[in-house]
Amino acid sequence: MAGVPRRPLAILPWSGALLSSPVVTNGPVSDQGDPSLRGLTFYRTGSPARSRQLAEADPAVRAGRLTVEIMTWYCPPGTMSQPGRAVSLP
């Protein structure tokens, strides 16, 4: 597993990369019932197949340290259209 980062790499919002990236947000999770669930990544790709392709290109996935599970997430319109904008519920 040499060369595979132990921690997820973040796309820094001030770098400008977030604006052109298909990754809306990602990060580790805790307090979950399934210890194999290490983190979540939300993609804006328009297709589960494209999201899978991107996720499977991750070096940790390719090295066998992480696995990919793809599902569709339904959210209010506009939630994923403005990167970097804080979203709060009343």
Protein backbone atom coordinates (compact mmCIF):
# COMPACT_ATOMS: atom_id res chain seq x y z
CA MET A 1 0.00 0.00 0.00
CA ALA A 2 2.97 2.28 -0.40
CA GLY A 3 2.03 5.63 -1.82
CA VAL A 4 -1.63 5.39 -0.77
CA PRO A 5 -2.54 8.24 1.58
CA ARG A 6 -3.88 7.17 4.99
CA ARG A 7 -6.17 10.21 5.13
CA PRO A 8 -8.55 11.46 2.43
CA LEU A 9 -7.24 14.30 0.32
CA ALA A 10 -9.49 17.35 0.38
CA ILE A 11 -10.24 19.72 -2.47
CA LEU A 12 -9.66 23.09 -0.91
CA PRO A 13 -12.59 25.45 -1.59
CA TRP A 14 -10.27 28.42 -2.09
CA SER A 15 -8.21 26.60 -4.71
CA GLY A 16 -10.79 26.98 -7.46
CA ALA A 17 -10.65 23.21 -8.04
CA LEU A 18 -13.99 22.76 -6.30
CA LEU A 19 -15.75 24.81 -8.96
CA SER A 20 -14.71 22.46 -11.75
CA SER A 21 -14.70 19.22 -9.77
CA PRO A 22 -17.50 16.65 -9.92
CA VAL A 23 -16.97 16.18 -6.16
CA VAL A 24 -19.48 18.31 -4.26
CA THR A 25 -18.20 17.31 -0.84
CA ASN A 26 -16.56 14.40 0.91
CA GLY A 27 -15.24 13.38 4.27
CA PRO A 28 -14.96 10.72 6.95
CA VAL A 29 -17.89 9.49 9.05
CA SER A 30 -18.07 8.37 12.67
CA ASP A 31 -20.58 6.75 15.00
CA GLN A 32 -21.88 4.49 12.22
CA GLY A 33 -23.08 0.95 12.84
CA ASP A 34 -20.94 -0.49 10.04
CA PRO A 35 -17.21 -0.07 10.82
CA SER A 36 -16.35 -0.69 7.15
CA LEU A 37 -18.06 2.61 6.22
CA ARG A 38 -15.15 5.04 6.31
CA GLY A 39 -16.47 8.09 4.48
CA LEU A 40 -18.85 9.56 1.94
CA THR A 41 -18.30 11.40 -1.31
CA PHE A 42 -21.06 13.24 -3.14
CA TYR A 43 -20.54 13.59 -6.89
CA ARG A 44 -22.34 15.85 -9.34
CA THR A 45 -21.96 13.76 -12.50
CA GLY A 46 -25.47 13.13 -13.82
CA SER A 47 -24.85 9.39 -13.92
CA PRO A 48 -24.20 6.63 -11.39
CA ALA A 49 -21.86 4.99 -13.93
CA ARG A 50 -19.68 8.13 -14.13
CA SER A 51 -19.65 8.43 -10.33
CA ARG A 52 -18.50 4.81 -10.06
CA GLN A 53 -15.77 5.42 -12.63
CA LEU A 54 -14.44 8.39 -10.64
CA ALA A 55 -14.66 6.59 -7.29
CA GLU A 56 -12.90 3.49 -8.60
CA ALA A 57 -10.00 5.67 -9.80
CA ASP A 58 -9.22 6.63 -6.17
CA PRO A 59 -5.75 5.29 -5.22
CA ALA A 60 -7.07 3.79 -1.94
CA VAL A 61 -9.80 1.95 -3.85
CA ARG A 62 -7.35 0.73 -6.48
CA ALA A 63 -5.06 -0.54 -3.69
CA GLY A 64 -7.94 -2.46 -2.11
CA ARG A 65 -8.11 -0.42 1.11
CA LEU A 66 -11.56 1.00 0.31
CA THR A 67 -14.54 -0.30 -1.64
CA VAL A 68 -17.13 1.62 -3.63
CA GLU A 69 -20.87 1.55 -3.17
CA ILE A 70 -22.90 3.81 -5.45
CA MET A 71 -26.40 5.05 -4.68
CA THR A 72 -28.59 7.95 -5.73
CA TRP A 73 -29.15 10.73 -3.19
CA TYR A 74 -32.26 12.87 -3.51
CA CYS A 75 -31.96 16.42 -2.20
CA PRO A 76 -33.81 19.72 -2.57
CA PRO A 77 -33.25 21.51 -5.90
CA GLY A 78 -30.25 23.82 -5.78
CA THR A 79 -28.54 22.01 -2.90
CA MET A 80 -25.66 20.88 -5.09
CA SER A 81 -25.59 23.76 -7.54
CA GLN A 82 -23.53 26.31 -5.63
CA PRO A 83 -20.22 24.87 -4.38
CA GLY A 84 -19.00 26.38 -1.14
CA ARG A 85 -22.36 27.82 -0.16
CA ALA A 86 -23.46 26.90 3.36
CA VAL A 87 -26.83 25.16 3.51
CA SER A 88 -28.98 25.35 6.62
CA LEU A 89 -32.47 24.16 7.38
CA PRO A 90 -35.02 26.21 9.35
